[in-house]
Amino acid sequence: MTKIIHIVDDDASFREAIARLLRTAGYIVSEHQTADDLLGRLPDGADPVCLLVDVRMPNLSGPELQERLSGLGLALPIIFLTGYGDIPTTVRAMKHGAEDFLTKPVNEDELFDAIERAMARQRRAISRRDRLGTLQQLVEKLTPREREVFEGVAHGRQNKQIAFDLGTTVRTIKAHRQRVMEKLNAKSVIELVSIARSLAILRDDALPEDDSLH
């Protein structure tokens, strides 16, 4: 999988030195002199990325860039690099989800370790996003009645209870339930519960009563 690093630093010599180091290690590197430059060429999120961001820059500072990205709904891993680290700035950055906070001159081993942690977290996030997208597409293929049965089963309601609620027969509910299982590629009610919880259809504390076809 492609590994992309975006360096945002107004110090050209430092930026270029870090870029050479990372390219030698096999990363794809994009350099940005200012935060505005990065905002004009935002990553599309298709591949794991990591941002190496200086704290003090003209116009938008590193933490301000972090907040701007958060406001855009972009949860991109950020490693702050600075020669002027202070506790309030560090705390602010970490509270907003910064991956790490390294002081210049940067130790190479610490830098690579931080980048790999950020990349691993980003890969997990992308995998989860893709899985949720696939599940959402499957759920959207359910008919309105199948969706009602799906939610009833996921909330632990027995077939006879769902049939009563929907004004139909148990036999009909069993047929709908079977189609729901097939369309969602679920082998058990527990899997249906997991799908419903992943898509925020079901509360975390809701559990099915059993896994049988009553």
N, C-alpha and C. Protein backbone atom coordinates (compact mmCIF):
# COMPACT_ATOMS: atom_id res chain seq x y z
N MET A 1 0.84 -1.20 0.00
CA MET A 1 0.00 0.00 0.00
C MET A 1 0.88 1.25 0.00
N THR A 2 0.49 2.25 -0.77
CA THR A 2 1.25 3.49 -0.88
C THR A 2 1.32 4.22 0.46
N LYS A 3 2.50 4.74 0.78
CA LYS A 3 2.68 5.52 2.00
C LYS A 3 3.06 6.94 1.62
N ILE A 4 2.19 7.87 1.96
CA ILE A 4 2.38 9.27 1.53
C ILE A 4 2.60 10.16 2.75
N ILE A 5 3.63 10.96 2.69
CA ILE A 5 3.94 11.91 3.76
C ILE A 5 3.81 13.33 3.21
N HIS A 6 3.08 14.17 3.93
CA HIS A 6 2.98 15.59 3.59
C HIS A 6 3.75 16.37 4.64
N ILE A 7 4.79 17.08 4.20
CA ILE A 7 5.58 17.91 5.10
C ILE A 7 5.12 19.35 4.96
N VAL A 8 4.73 19.96 6.07
CA VAL A 8 4.29 21.36 6.06
C VAL A 8 5.23 22.15 6.97
N ASP A 9 6.15 22.89 6.37
CA ASP A 9 7.16 23.60 7.15
C ASP A 9 7.69 24.75 6.30
N ASP A 10 7.77 25.96 6.87
CA ASP A 10 8.25 27.11 6.11
C ASP A 10 9.77 27.19 6.07
N ASP A 11 10.45 26.31 6.80
CA ASP A 11 11.91 26.25 6.77
C ASP A 11 12.32 25.33 5.61
N ALA A 12 12.70 25.93 4.49
CA ALA A 12 12.97 25.16 3.27
C ALA A 12 14.08 24.14 3.46
N SER A 13 15.17 24.52 4.13
CA SER A 13 16.30 23.59 4.29
C SER A 13 15.90 22.39 5.14
N PHE A 14 15.16 22.62 6.20
CA PHE A 14 14.72 21.51 7.05
C PHE A 14 13.72 20.63 6.29
N ARG A 15 12.79 21.28 5.61
CA ARG A 15 11.77 20.55 4.86
C ARG A 15 12.40 19.65 3.81
N GLU A 16 13.36 20.19 3.08
CA GLU A 16 14.00 19.42 2.02
C GLU A 16 14.85 18.29 2.59
N ALA A 17 15.51 18.52 3.73
CA ALA A 17 16.33 17.47 4.35
C ALA A 17 15.46 16.31 4.81
N ILE A 18 14.33 16.61 5.45
CA ILE A 18 13.42 15.56 5.90
C ILE A 18 12.82 14.83 4.71
N ALA A 19 12.50 15.57 3.66
CA ALA A 19 11.93 14.96 2.45
C ALA A 19 12.91 13.96 1.83
N ARG A 20 14.19 14.34 1.76
CA ARG A 20 15.21 13.42 1.21
C ARG A 20 15.31 12.17 2.06
N LEU A 21 15.31 12.34 3.37
CA LEU A 21 15.40 11.20 4.28
C LEU A 21 14.23 10.24 4.07
N LEU A 22 13.04 10.78 3.97
CA LEU A 22 11.85 9.95 3.84
C LEU A 22 11.78 9.28 2.47
N ARG A 23 12.17 9.99 1.43
CA ARG A 23 12.16 9.39 0.09
C ARG A 23 13.16 8.24 0.02
N THR A 24 14.30 8.40 0.68
CA THR A 24 15.29 7.34 0.70
C THR A 24 14.73 6.09 1.40
N ALA A 25 13.84 6.32 2.37
CA ALA A 25 13.24 5.21 3.11
C ALA A 25 12.04 4.61 2.37
N GLY A 26 11.72 5.15 1.19
CA GLY A 26 10.65 4.57 0.38
C GLY A 26 9.30 5.25 0.45
N TYR A 27 9.22 6.37 1.15
CA TYR A 27 7.94 7.08 1.24
C TYR A 27 7.76 8.01 0.03
N ILE A 28 6.51 8.25 -0.30
CA ILE A 28 6.18 9.28 -1.28
C ILE A 28 5.97 10.57 -0.51
N VAL A 29 6.68 11.61 -0.88
CA VAL A 29 6.68 12.84 -0.08
C VAL A 29 6.16 14.02 -0.90
N SER A 30 5.30 14.81 -0.26
CA SER A 30 4.80 16.04 -0.85
C SER A 30 5.18 17.18 0.09
N GLU A 31 5.82 18.22 -0.42
CA GLU A 31 6.29 19.33 0.41
C GLU A 31 5.35 20.53 0.30
N HIS A 32 5.12 21.18 1.43
CA HIS A 32 4.26 22.36 1.48
C HIS A 32 4.95 23.42 2.34
N GLN A 33 5.06 24.62 1.80
CA GLN A 33 5.72 25.69 2.55
C GLN A 33 4.81 26.29 3.61
N THR A 34 3.50 26.29 3.37
CA THR A 34 2.55 26.86 4.32
C THR A 34 1.36 25.94 4.51
N ALA A 35 0.59 26.21 5.56
CA ALA A 35 -0.63 25.45 5.80
C ALA A 35 -1.63 25.69 4.67
N ASP A 36 -1.68 26.91 4.17
CA ASP A 36 -2.60 27.22 3.07
C ASP A 36 -2.27 26.40 1.83
N ASP A 37 -0.97 26.15 1.63
CA ASP A 37 -0.55 25.34 0.49
C ASP A 37 -1.12 23.92 0.61
N LEU A 38 -1.05 23.35 1.80
CA LEU A 38 -1.62 22.01 2.01
C LEU A 38 -3.13 22.03 1.82
N LEU A 39 -3.80 23.04 2.36
CA LEU A 39 -5.26 23.12 2.25
C LEU A 39 -5.70 23.23 0.79
N GLY A 40 -4.82 23.77 -0.05
CA GLY A 40 -5.15 23.88 -1.47
C GLY A 40 -4.93 22.59 -2.23
N ARG A 41 -4.25 21.64 -1.59
CA ARG A 41 -3.98 20.34 -2.23
C ARG A 41 -4.21 19.22 -1.22
N LEU A 42 -5.42 19.15 -0.72
CA LEU A 42 -5.73 18.19 0.34
C LEU A 42 -5.65 16.75 -0.15
N PRO A 43 -5.16 15.84 0.70
CA PRO A 43 -5.14 14.41 0.35
C PRO A 43 -6.58 13.92 0.16
N ASP A 44 -6.76 12.96 -0.77
CA ASP A 44 -8.10 12.46 -1.04
C ASP A 44 -8.53 11.38 -0.06
N GLY A 45 -7.60 10.90 0.78
CA GLY A 45 -7.96 9.92 1.79
C GLY A 45 -8.02 8.49 1.29
N ALA A 46 -7.67 8.27 0.02
CA ALA A 46 -7.73 6.91 -0.52
C ALA A 46 -6.60 6.04 0.00
N ASP A 47 -5.45 6.65 0.28
CA ASP A 47 -4.29 5.92 0.79
C ASP A 47 -3.89 6.46 2.15
N PRO A 48 -3.19 5.63 2.95
CA PRO A 48 -2.71 6.12 4.25
C PRO A 48 -1.77 7.30 4.07
N VAL A 49 -1.96 8.33 4.84
CA VAL A 49 -1.09 9.50 4.78
C VAL A 49 -0.69 9.89 6.19
N CYS A 50 0.35 10.68 6.29
CA CYS A 50 0.76 11.24 7.57
C CYS A 50 1.24 12.66 7.31
N LEU A 51 0.88 13.57 8.18
CA LEU A 51 1.30 14.96 8.05
C LEU A 51 2.40 15.26 9.06
N LEU A 52 3.52 15.80 8.58
CA LEU A 52 4.57 16.31 9.44
C LEU A 52 4.45 17.83 9.41
N VAL A 53 4.05 18.41 10.52
CA VAL A 53 3.65 19.83 10.51
C VAL A 53 4.46 20.63 11.53
N ASP A 54 5.03 21.73 11.06
CA ASP A 54 5.72 22.65 11.96
C ASP A 54 4.68 23.39 12.80
N VAL A 55 5.04 23.73 14.01
CA VAL A 55 4.10 24.43 14.89
C VAL A 55 3.97 25.90 14.52
N ARG A 56 5.11 26.57 14.36
CA ARG A 56 5.09 28.01 14.08
C ARG A 56 5.30 28.26 12.59
N MET A 57 4.26 28.79 11.94
CA MET A 57 4.33 29.12 10.51
C MET A 57 3.55 30.40 10.26
N PRO A 58 3.85 31.11 9.16
CA PRO A 58 3.10 32.33 8.81
C PRO A 58 1.63 32.00 8.57
N ASN A 59 0.78 32.97 8.82
CA ASN A 59 -0.67 32.83 8.63
C ASN A 59 -1.23 31.76 9.55
N LEU A 60 -1.44 30.55 9.06
CA LEU A 60 -1.98 29.48 9.91
C LEU A 60 -0.85 28.73 10.59
N SER A 61 -0.91 28.61 11.91
CA SER A 61 0.08 27.82 12.64
C SER A 61 -0.26 26.34 12.50
N GLY A 62 0.63 25.50 12.99
CA GLY A 62 0.37 24.06 12.95
C GLY A 62 -0.91 23.66 13.67
N PRO A 63 -1.09 24.07 14.94
CA PRO A 63 -2.32 23.73 15.64
C PRO A 63 -3.57 24.31 14.97
N GLU A 64 -3.45 25.50 14.37
CA GLU A 64 -4.59 26.07 13.66
C GLU A 64 -4.92 25.26 12.41
N LEU A 65 -3.90 24.76 11.74
CA LEU A 65 -4.13 23.87 10.60
C LEU A 65 -4.83 22.60 11.06
N GLN A 66 -4.39 22.06 12.18
CA GLN A 66 -5.01 20.87 12.75
C GLN A 66 -6.50 21.10 12.99
N GLU A 67 -6.85 22.23 13.57
CA GLU A 67 -8.25 22.54 13.85
C GLU A 67 -9.03 22.77 12.56
N ARG A 68 -8.39 23.37 11.56
CA ARG A 68 -9.05 23.59 10.27
C ARG A 68 -9.38 22.25 9.60
N LEU A 69 -8.43 21.32 9.64
CA LEU A 69 -8.66 20.00 9.06
C LEU A 69 -9.77 19.26 9.80
N SER A 70 -9.77 19.38 11.11
CA SER A 70 -10.82 18.75 11.91
C SER A 70 -12.18 19.32 11.54
N GLY A 71 -12.23 20.63 11.33
CA GLY A 71 -13.49 21.27 10.94
C GLY A 71 -13.98 20.82 9.59
N LEU A 72 -13.05 20.38 8.74
CA LEU A 72 -13.42 19.87 7.42
C LEU A 72 -13.78 18.39 7.46
N GLY A 73 -13.69 17.80 8.67
CA GLY A 73 -14.02 16.39 8.81
C GLY A 73 -12.91 15.46 8.37
N LEU A 74 -11.68 15.96 8.32
CA LEU A 74 -10.54 15.16 7.89
C LEU A 74 -9.72 14.72 9.10
N ALA A 75 -9.83 13.46 9.46
CA ALA A 75 -9.11 12.92 10.61
C ALA A 75 -7.76 12.38 10.13
N LEU A 76 -6.88 13.28 9.74
CA LEU A 76 -5.57 12.88 9.23
C LEU A 76 -4.55 12.87 10.37
N PRO A 77 -3.73 11.82 10.47
CA PRO A 77 -2.74 11.76 11.55
C PRO A 77 -1.68 12.84 11.37
N ILE A 78 -1.40 13.57 12.45
CA ILE A 78 -0.45 14.68 12.40
C ILE A 78 0.66 14.45 13.42
N ILE A 79 1.89 14.59 12.96
CA ILE A 79 3.05 14.61 13.84
C ILE A 79 3.61 16.02 13.81
N PHE A 80 3.64 16.68 14.96
CA PHE A 80 4.16 18.05 15.01
C PHE A 80 5.67 18.03 15.20
N LEU A 81 6.34 18.87 14.43
CA LEU A 81 7.79 19.05 14.53
C LEU A 81 8.06 20.50 14.87
N THR A 82 8.82 20.74 15.92
CA THR A 82 9.04 22.12 16.32
C THR A 82 10.34 22.31 17.08
N GLY A 83 10.89 23.49 16.96
CA GLY A 83 12.05 23.85 17.76
C GLY A 83 11.64 24.70 18.94
N TYR A 84 10.33 24.92 19.09
CA TYR A 84 9.83 25.81 20.14
C TYR A 84 8.71 25.14 20.93
N GLY A 85 8.89 23.88 21.24
CA GLY A 85 7.83 23.15 21.95
C GLY A 85 7.57 23.72 23.33
N ASP A 86 6.33 23.79 23.71
CA ASP A 86 5.96 24.19 25.06
C ASP A 86 4.79 23.33 25.50
N ILE A 87 4.60 23.22 26.79
CA ILE A 87 3.59 22.32 27.33
C ILE A 87 2.17 22.68 26.90
N PRO A 88 1.73 23.94 26.98
CA PRO A 88 0.36 24.26 26.55
C PRO A 88 0.09 23.89 25.09
N THR A 89 1.06 24.19 24.21
CA THR A 89 0.88 23.86 22.79
C THR A 89 0.81 22.36 22.59
N THR A 90 1.67 21.63 23.29
CA THR A 90 1.68 20.17 23.19
C THR A 90 0.36 19.59 23.65
N VAL A 91 -0.11 20.05 24.80
CA VAL A 91 -1.39 19.56 25.35
C VAL A 91 -2.53 19.86 24.40
N ARG A 92 -2.55 21.06 23.85
CA ARG A 92 -3.60 21.45 22.90
C ARG A 92 -3.59 20.54 21.69
N ALA A 93 -2.40 20.30 21.14
CA ALA A 93 -2.29 19.46 19.95
C ALA A 93 -2.71 18.03 20.23
N MET A 94 -2.27 17.48 21.35
CA MET A 94 -2.60 16.09 21.67
C MET A 94 -4.08 15.92 21.95
N LYS A 95 -4.70 16.92 22.58
CA LYS A 95 -6.14 16.85 22.84
C LYS A 95 -6.94 16.82 21.55
N HIS A 96 -6.41 17.43 20.52
CA HIS A 96 -7.10 17.46 19.23
C HIS A 96 -6.70 16.28 18.34
N GLY A 97 -5.98 15.31 18.92
CA GLY A 97 -5.72 14.08 18.20
C GLY A 97 -4.38 13.98 17.50
N ALA A 98 -3.40 14.82 17.87
CA ALA A 98 -2.08 14.72 17.25
C ALA A 98 -1.47 13.35 17.54
N GLU A 99 -0.78 12.81 16.56
CA GLU A 99 -0.16 11.50 16.73
C GLU A 99 1.06 11.57 17.63
N ASP A 100 1.85 12.63 17.48
CA ASP A 100 3.05 12.78 18.29
C ASP A 100 3.53 14.22 18.22
N PHE A 101 4.49 14.55 19.06
CA PHE A 101 5.01 15.91 19.12
C PHE A 101 6.52 15.79 19.29
N LEU A 102 7.28 16.01 18.22
CA LEU A 102 8.72 15.82 18.23
C LEU A 102 9.45 17.16 18.12
N THR A 103 10.57 17.24 18.82
CA THR A 103 11.36 18.48 18.84
C THR A 103 12.50 18.41 17.85
N LYS A 104 12.70 19.50 17.12
CA LYS A 104 13.83 19.61 16.20
C LYS A 104 15.12 19.82 17.00
N PRO A 105 16.26 19.30 16.57
CA PRO A 105 16.44 18.37 15.44
C PRO A 105 15.82 17.01 15.78
N VAL A 106 15.19 16.43 14.79
CA VAL A 106 14.41 15.22 15.03
C VAL A 106 15.30 13.98 15.01
N ASN A 107 15.10 13.12 16.00
CA ASN A 107 15.77 11.83 16.02
C ASN A 107 15.13 10.94 14.95
N GLU A 108 15.94 10.37 14.06
CA GLU A 108 15.41 9.61 12.93
C GLU A 108 14.57 8.41 13.39
N ASP A 109 15.08 7.67 14.37
CA ASP A 109 14.33 6.50 14.84
C ASP A 109 12.98 6.90 15.42
N GLU A 110 12.96 7.98 16.20
CA GLU A 110 11.70 8.44 16.77
C GLU A 110 10.74 8.88 15.67
N LEU A 111 11.28 9.54 14.65
CA LEU A 111 10.45 10.01 13.54
C LEU A 111 9.83 8.83 12.80
N PHE A 112 10.65 7.85 12.44
CA PHE A 112 10.12 6.70 11.70
C PHE A 112 9.12 5.90 12.54
N ASP A 113 9.40 5.76 13.84
CA ASP A 113 8.46 5.05 14.71
C ASP A 113 7.11 5.77 14.76
N ALA A 114 7.16 7.10 14.89
CA ALA A 114 5.93 7.89 14.95
C ALA A 114 5.16 7.79 13.63
N ILE A 115 5.87 7.84 12.52
CA ILE A 115 5.22 7.75 11.21
C ILE A 115 4.55 6.40 11.03
N GLU A 116 5.24 5.33 11.40
CA GLU A 116 4.67 3.99 11.23
C GLU A 116 3.44 3.78 12.12
N ARG A 117 3.46 4.34 13.32
CA ARG A 117 2.28 4.27 14.19
C ARG A 117 1.11 5.01 13.54
N ALA A 118 1.42 6.19 13.00
CA ALA A 118 0.37 6.98 12.35
C ALA A 118 -0.18 6.26 11.13
N MET A 119 0.70 5.66 10.34
CA MET A 119 0.27 4.93 9.14
C MET A 119 -0.60 3.73 9.52
N ALA A 120 -0.20 3.02 10.56
CA ALA A 120 -0.97 1.85 11.00
C ALA A 120 -2.37 2.27 11.43
N ARG A 121 -2.44 3.38 12.17
CA ARG A 121 -3.75 3.86 12.62
C ARG A 121 -4.60 4.30 11.43
N GLN A 122 -3.96 4.92 10.46
CA GLN A 122 -4.69 5.37 9.27
C GLN A 122 -5.19 4.19 8.45
N ARG A 123 -4.37 3.13 8.36
CA ARG A 123 -4.80 1.94 7.63
C ARG A 123 -6.02 1.31 8.29
N ARG A 124 -6.01 1.27 9.61
CA ARG A 124 -7.17 0.72 10.33
C ARG A 124 -8.41 1.58 10.09
N ALA A 125 -8.22 2.89 10.08
CA ALA A 125 -9.35 3.78 9.85
C ALA A 125 -9.92 3.61 8.45
N ILE A 126 -9.03 3.47 7.46
CA ILE A 126 -9.47 3.28 6.08
C ILE A 126 -10.20 1.95 5.94
N SER A 127 -9.66 0.90 6.59
CA SER A 127 -10.29 -0.42 6.53
C SER A 127 -11.69 -0.37 7.14
N ARG A 128 -11.80 0.31 8.28
CA ARG A 128 -13.11 0.43 8.93
C ARG A 128 -14.08 1.23 8.07
N ARG A 129 -13.59 2.31 7.47
CA ARG A 129 -14.43 3.14 6.59
C ARG A 129 -14.94 2.33 5.41
N ASP A 130 -14.05 1.56 4.81
CA ASP A 130 -14.45 0.76 3.65
C ASP A 130 -15.45 -0.32 4.05
N ARG A 131 -15.22 -0.93 5.22
CA ARG A 131 -16.14 -1.98 5.68
C ARG A 131 -17.53 -1.39 5.95
N LEU A 132 -17.56 -0.23 6.59
CA LEU A 132 -18.85 0.41 6.88
C LEU A 132 -19.56 0.79 5.58
N GLY A 133 -18.78 1.25 4.59
CA GLY A 133 -19.38 1.60 3.31
C GLY A 133 -20.01 0.39 2.64
N THR A 134 -19.32 -0.75 2.71
CA THR A 134 -19.86 -1.98 2.13
C THR A 134 -21.12 -2.42 2.85
N LEU A 135 -21.08 -2.37 4.19
CA LEU A 135 -22.26 -2.76 4.97
C LEU A 135 -23.45 -1.85 4.67
N GLN A 136 -23.19 -0.55 4.54
CA GLN A 136 -24.26 0.39 4.27
C GLN A 136 -24.90 0.11 2.91
N GLN A 137 -24.08 -0.25 1.93
CA GLN A 137 -24.60 -0.58 0.61
C GLN A 137 -25.48 -1.83 0.67
N LEU A 138 -25.09 -2.80 1.47
CA LEU A 138 -25.88 -4.02 1.61
C LEU A 138 -27.23 -3.72 2.27
N VAL A 139 -27.19 -2.91 3.34
CA VAL A 139 -28.42 -2.57 4.05
C VAL A 139 -29.36 -1.78 3.14
N GLU A 140 -28.81 -0.94 2.30
CA GLU A 140 -29.65 -0.14 1.39
C GLU A 140 -30.37 -1.00 0.35
N LYS A 141 -29.92 -2.23 0.17
CA LYS A 141 -30.57 -3.14 -0.77
C LYS A 141 -31.79 -3.82 -0.16
N LEU A 142 -31.96 -3.69 1.17
CA LEU A 142 -33.12 -4.27 1.81
C LEU A 142 -34.38 -3.50 1.43
N THR A 143 -35.49 -4.22 1.30
CA THR A 143 -36.77 -3.54 1.08
C THR A 143 -37.19 -2.89 2.40
N PRO A 144 -38.14 -1.95 2.37
CA PRO A 144 -38.60 -1.33 3.62
C PRO A 144 -39.05 -2.36 4.65
N ARG A 145 -39.77 -3.41 4.22
CA ARG A 145 -40.22 -4.41 5.17
C ARG A 145 -39.05 -5.25 5.70
N GLU A 146 -38.09 -5.56 4.83
CA GLU A 146 -36.91 -6.30 5.28
C GLU A 146 -36.11 -5.47 6.27
N ARG A 147 -36.06 -4.16 6.06
CA ARG A 147 -35.35 -3.28 7.00
C ARG A 147 -36.04 -3.32 8.37
N GLU A 148 -37.36 -3.33 8.39
CA GLU A 148 -38.09 -3.41 9.66
C GLU A 148 -37.81 -4.73 10.37
N VAL A 149 -37.78 -5.81 9.60
CA VAL A 149 -37.50 -7.12 10.19
C VAL A 149 -36.05 -7.16 10.70
N PHE A 150 -35.13 -6.62 9.92
CA PHE A 150 -33.72 -6.55 10.32
C PHE A 150 -33.57 -5.84 11.66
N GLU A 151 -34.19 -4.69 11.79
CA GLU A 151 -34.08 -3.94 13.03
C GLU A 151 -34.74 -4.69 14.19
N GLY A 152 -35.87 -5.33 13.91
CA GLY A 152 -36.53 -6.10 14.96
C GLY A 152 -35.67 -7.25 15.45
N VAL A 153 -35.09 -8.00 14.51
CA VAL A 153 -34.22 -9.12 14.87
C VAL A 153 -32.98 -8.62 15.61
N ALA A 154 -32.39 -7.55 15.12
CA ALA A 154 -31.18 -7.02 15.74
C ALA A 154 -31.43 -6.56 17.17
N HIS A 155 -32.65 -6.13 17.46
CA HIS A 155 -33.01 -5.70 18.82
C HIS A 155 -33.48 -6.86 19.68
N GLY A 156 -33.36 -8.08 19.14
CA GLY A 156 -33.65 -9.25 19.97
C GLY A 156 -35.10 -9.66 20.01
N ARG A 157 -35.92 -9.14 19.13
CA ARG A 157 -37.34 -9.50 19.14
C ARG A 157 -37.55 -10.81 18.40
N GLN A 158 -38.39 -11.68 18.95
CA GLN A 158 -38.68 -12.96 18.34
C GLN A 158 -39.59 -12.76 17.13
N ASN A 159 -39.59 -13.78 16.27
CA ASN A 159 -40.40 -13.69 15.05
C ASN A 159 -41.86 -13.38 15.35
N LYS A 160 -42.42 -14.03 16.37
CA LYS A 160 -43.84 -13.81 16.68
C LYS A 160 -44.09 -12.38 17.17
N GLN A 161 -43.11 -11.80 17.85
CA GLN A 161 -43.24 -10.41 18.30
C GLN A 161 -43.19 -9.45 17.11
N ILE A 162 -42.25 -9.72 16.21
CA ILE A 162 -42.13 -8.86 15.02
C ILE A 162 -43.39 -8.99 14.16
N ALA A 163 -43.89 -10.21 14.02
CA ALA A 163 -45.10 -10.44 13.23
C ALA A 163 -46.27 -9.65 13.82
N PHE A 164 -46.39 -9.67 15.14
CA PHE A 164 -47.47 -8.93 15.79
C PHE A 164 -47.31 -7.43 15.55
N ASP A 165 -46.09 -6.91 15.70
CA ASP A 165 -45.83 -5.48 15.51
C ASP A 165 -46.15 -5.03 14.09
N LEU A 166 -45.84 -5.90 13.11
CA LEU A 166 -46.00 -5.52 11.71
C LEU A 166 -47.33 -5.99 11.12
N GLY A 167 -48.12 -6.67 11.93
CA GLY A 167 -49.43 -7.11 11.46
C GLY A 167 -49.38 -8.16 10.38
N THR A 168 -48.46 -9.11 10.52
CA THR A 168 -48.35 -10.17 9.53
C THR A 168 -48.15 -11.50 10.25
N THR A 169 -47.80 -12.54 9.51
CA THR A 169 -47.66 -13.88 10.09
C THR A 169 -46.21 -14.20 10.41
N VAL A 170 -46.04 -15.16 11.31
CA VAL A 170 -44.70 -15.62 11.66
C VAL A 170 -44.01 -16.20 10.44
N ARG A 171 -44.76 -16.93 9.62
CA ARG A 171 -44.19 -17.53 8.42
C ARG A 171 -43.62 -16.46 7.49
N THR A 172 -44.34 -15.35 7.35
CA THR A 172 -43.86 -14.26 6.50
C THR A 172 -42.60 -13.63 7.08
N ILE A 173 -42.59 -13.47 8.40
CA ILE A 173 -41.40 -12.89 9.05
C ILE A 173 -40.19 -13.79 8.87
N LYS A 174 -40.41 -15.11 8.97
CA LYS A 174 -39.30 -16.04 8.77
C LYS A 174 -38.72 -15.90 7.36
N ALA A 175 -39.60 -15.73 6.39
CA ALA A 175 -39.14 -15.58 5.00
C ALA A 175 -38.34 -14.29 4.84
N HIS A 176 -38.86 -13.19 5.41
CA HIS A 176 -38.14 -11.92 5.34
C HIS A 176 -36.79 -12.04 6.06
N ARG A 177 -36.80 -12.69 7.20
CA ARG A 177 -35.59 -12.84 8.00
C ARG A 177 -34.52 -13.60 7.22
N GLN A 178 -34.92 -14.63 6.53
CA GLN A 178 -33.97 -15.40 5.75
C GLN A 178 -33.37 -14.57 4.62
N ARG A 179 -34.21 -13.74 3.98
CA ARG A 179 -33.70 -12.88 2.91
C ARG A 179 -32.75 -11.82 3.46
N VAL A 180 -33.06 -11.33 4.65
CA VAL A 180 -32.17 -10.35 5.29
C VAL A 180 -30.80 -10.97 5.54
N MET A 181 -30.80 -12.18 6.08
CA MET A 181 -29.54 -12.88 6.36
C MET A 181 -28.73 -13.05 5.08
N GLU A 182 -29.41 -13.42 4.00
CA GLU A 182 -28.73 -13.65 2.73
C GLU A 182 -28.18 -12.35 2.15
N LYS A 183 -28.99 -11.29 2.17
CA LYS A 183 -28.56 -10.02 1.58
C LYS A 183 -27.40 -9.39 2.35
N LEU A 184 -27.36 -9.61 3.66
CA LEU A 184 -26.30 -9.01 4.48
C LEU A 184 -25.13 -9.97 4.70
N ASN A 185 -25.20 -11.14 4.06
CA ASN A 185 -24.13 -12.15 4.19
C ASN A 185 -23.87 -12.50 5.65
N ALA A 186 -24.95 -12.58 6.43
CA ALA A 186 -24.85 -12.88 7.85
C ALA A 186 -25.20 -14.34 8.10
N LYS A 187 -24.41 -14.98 8.95
CA LYS A 187 -24.64 -16.38 9.28
C LYS A 187 -25.40 -16.57 10.58
N SER A 188 -25.53 -15.52 11.36
CA SER A 188 -26.19 -15.62 12.66
C SER A 188 -26.77 -14.28 13.07
N VAL A 189 -27.61 -14.33 14.09
CA VAL A 189 -28.18 -13.09 14.63
C VAL A 189 -27.08 -12.22 15.23
N ILE A 190 -26.08 -12.86 15.81
CA ILE A 190 -24.97 -12.09 16.38
C ILE A 190 -24.31 -11.24 15.30
N GLU A 191 -24.18 -11.78 14.10
CA GLU A 191 -23.61 -11.00 13.00
C GLU A 191 -24.53 -9.85 12.61
N LEU A 192 -25.84 -10.10 12.63
CA LEU A 192 -26.79 -9.02 12.35
C LEU A 192 -26.67 -7.91 13.39
N VAL A 193 -26.51 -8.31 14.64
CA VAL A 193 -26.35 -7.33 15.72
C VAL A 193 -25.09 -6.51 15.49
N SER A 194 -24.01 -7.18 15.10
CA SER A 194 -22.74 -6.49 14.85
C SER A 194 -22.89 -5.48 13.72
N ILE A 195 -23.59 -5.87 12.66
CA ILE A 195 -23.81 -4.96 11.53
C ILE A 195 -24.64 -3.76 11.97
N ALA A 196 -25.71 -4.03 12.71
CA ALA A 196 -26.58 -2.95 13.16
C ALA A 196 -25.83 -1.99 14.08
N ARG A 197 -24.99 -2.53 14.95
CA ARG A 197 -24.23 -1.68 15.87
C ARG A 197 -23.19 -0.87 15.10
N SER A 198 -22.53 -1.49 14.14
CA SER A 198 -21.51 -0.78 13.35
C SER A 198 -22.10 0.41 12.62
N LEU A 199 -23.35 0.26 12.16
CA LEU A 199 -24.01 1.33 11.39
C LEU A 199 -24.86 2.24 12.28
N ALA A 200 -24.68 2.10 13.61
CA ALA A 200 -25.40 2.93 14.58
C ALA A 200 -26.91 2.74 14.49
N ILE A 201 -27.33 1.56 14.03
CA ILE A 201 -28.75 1.23 14.01
C ILE A 201 -29.17 0.69 15.37
N LEU A 202 -28.20 0.17 16.10
CA LEU A 202 -28.46 -0.49 17.36
C LEU A 202 -27.57 0.10 18.45
N ARG A 203 -28.13 0.29 19.64
CA ARG A 203 -27.35 0.77 20.77
C ARG A 203 -26.35 -0.30 21.18
N ASP A 204 -25.23 0.13 21.76
CA ASP A 204 -24.20 -0.82 22.19
C ASP A 204 -24.70 -1.76 23.28
N ASP A 205 -25.69 -1.33 24.08
CA ASP A 205 -26.15 -2.18 25.18
C ASP A 205 -27.30 -3.09 24.78
N ALA A 206 -27.71 -3.04 23.50
CA ALA A 206 -28.83 -3.88 23.05
C ALA A 206 -28.29 -5.22 22.57
N LEU A 207 -28.84 -6.30 23.06
CA LEU A 207 -28.43 -7.64 22.68
C LEU A 207 -29.64 -8.46 22.32
N PRO A 208 -29.49 -9.39 21.36
CA PRO A 208 -30.60 -10.26 21.01
C PRO A 208 -30.90 -11.24 22.11
N GLU A 209 -32.16 -11.69 22.18
CA GLU A 209 -32.53 -12.64 23.20
C GLU A 209 -31.96 -14.02 22.90
N ASP A 210 -31.90 -14.42 21.62
CA ASP A 210 -31.32 -15.70 21.25
C ASP A 210 -31.02 -15.68 19.76
N ASP A 211 -30.53 -16.82 19.29
CA ASP A 211 -30.11 -16.93 17.89
C ASP A 211 -30.93 -17.98 17.16
N SER A 212 -32.16 -18.20 17.59
CA SER A 212 -32.99 -19.24 16.98
C SER A 212 -34.06 -18.62 16.09
N LEU A 213 -34.63 -19.43 15.23
CA LEU A 213 -35.70 -18.98 14.35
C LEU A 213 -37.03 -19.37 14.97
N HIS A 214 -37.49 -18.52 15.90
CA HIS A 214 -38.77 -18.83 16.56
C HIS A 214 -39.93 -18.66 15.59
